[in-house]
Amino acid sequence: MRYGTSYFPSRWDAVKYYSVLGFKSSEVKEMIKNGEIHIGMPKTTKNQRPFLMVDHGDAKRWFISQLRAR
């Protein structure tokens, strides 16, 4: 299983992603400030692996793959 996160490798990637959804750069900056979205790699557990994928607006975004328990 894999899922997208609210983490981006850079502010520019967050702006590109959210601009497709109609947000302005200043609004993205405010969302970062408020902790709604994050810059940097997400924290994971030992059963999770973070990876980057290109998403909306040609922006890189962190995703997490959940490893199956054995």
Protein backbone atom coordinates (compact mmCIF):
# COMPACT_ATOMS: atom_id res chain seq x y z
CA MET A 1 0.00 0.00 0.00
CA ARG A 2 1.19 3.54 -0.67
CA TYR A 3 -0.21 6.93 0.13
CA GLY A 4 0.61 10.58 -0.43
CA THR A 5 1.65 12.88 2.38
CA SER A 6 1.57 16.59 3.07
CA TYR A 7 5.38 16.67 2.81
CA PHE A 8 7.30 18.22 -0.08
CA PRO A 9 11.06 18.37 -0.67
CA SER A 10 10.94 22.14 -1.21
CA ARG A 11 8.63 25.10 -0.88
CA TRP A 12 8.68 25.47 -4.66
CA ASP A 13 7.31 21.93 -5.05
CA ALA A 14 4.51 22.75 -2.60
CA VAL A 15 3.68 25.92 -4.55
CA LYS A 16 3.62 24.02 -7.87
CA TYR A 17 1.39 21.32 -6.39
CA TYR A 18 -1.11 23.69 -4.81
CA SER A 19 -1.17 26.20 -7.69
CA VAL A 20 -2.92 23.57 -9.82
CA LEU A 21 -5.56 23.45 -7.09
CA GLY A 22 -6.04 27.23 -7.23
CA PHE A 23 -3.87 28.34 -4.29
CA LYS A 24 -1.53 31.33 -4.44
CA SER A 25 2.09 31.23 -3.29
CA SER A 26 1.23 33.36 -0.26
CA GLU A 27 -1.48 30.88 0.76
CA VAL A 28 0.97 27.98 0.51
CA LYS A 29 3.45 29.91 2.66
CA GLU A 30 0.71 30.36 5.26
CA MET A 31 -0.17 26.64 5.15
CA ILE A 32 3.49 25.81 5.78
CA LYS A 33 3.59 28.28 8.66
CA ASN A 34 0.41 26.77 10.15
CA GLY A 35 1.73 23.20 9.83
CA GLU A 36 -0.87 22.09 7.29
CA ILE A 37 1.87 21.14 4.84
CA HIS A 38 5.54 20.40 5.53
CA ILE A 39 8.90 20.80 3.83
CA GLY A 40 11.30 17.89 4.22
CA MET A 41 11.11 14.13 4.48
CA PRO A 42 8.25 12.64 6.52
CA LYS A 43 9.00 10.58 9.60
CA THR A 44 8.23 6.90 9.16
CA THR A 45 8.06 3.71 11.18
CA LYS A 46 10.23 0.66 10.53
CA ASN A 47 7.44 -0.78 8.34
CA GLN A 48 7.22 2.32 6.14
CA ARG A 49 9.46 3.66 3.37
CA PRO A 50 9.32 7.25 2.07
CA PHE A 51 9.79 7.92 -1.64
CA LEU A 52 9.40 10.89 -3.97
CA MET A 53 7.01 10.93 -6.90
CA VAL A 54 6.02 13.63 -9.35
CA ASP A 55 2.43 14.69 -8.69
CA HIS A 56 0.08 17.58 -9.58
CA GLY A 57 1.72 20.54 -11.28
CA ASP A 58 4.86 18.49 -11.98
CA ALA A 59 5.73 18.88 -8.28
CA LYS A 60 7.71 16.35 -6.30
CA ARG A 61 5.85 15.08 -3.25
CA TRP A 62 6.70 12.53 -0.58
CA PHE A 63 4.73 9.31 -0.54
CA ILE A 64 4.96 6.44 1.93
CA SER A 65 4.81 2.75 1.14
CA GLN A 66 3.55 0.53 3.93
CA LEU A 67 5.36 -2.80 4.04
CA ARG A 68 3.30 -5.87 4.73
CA ALA A 69 3.74 -7.51 8.11
CA ARG A 70 5.19 -11.02 7.98
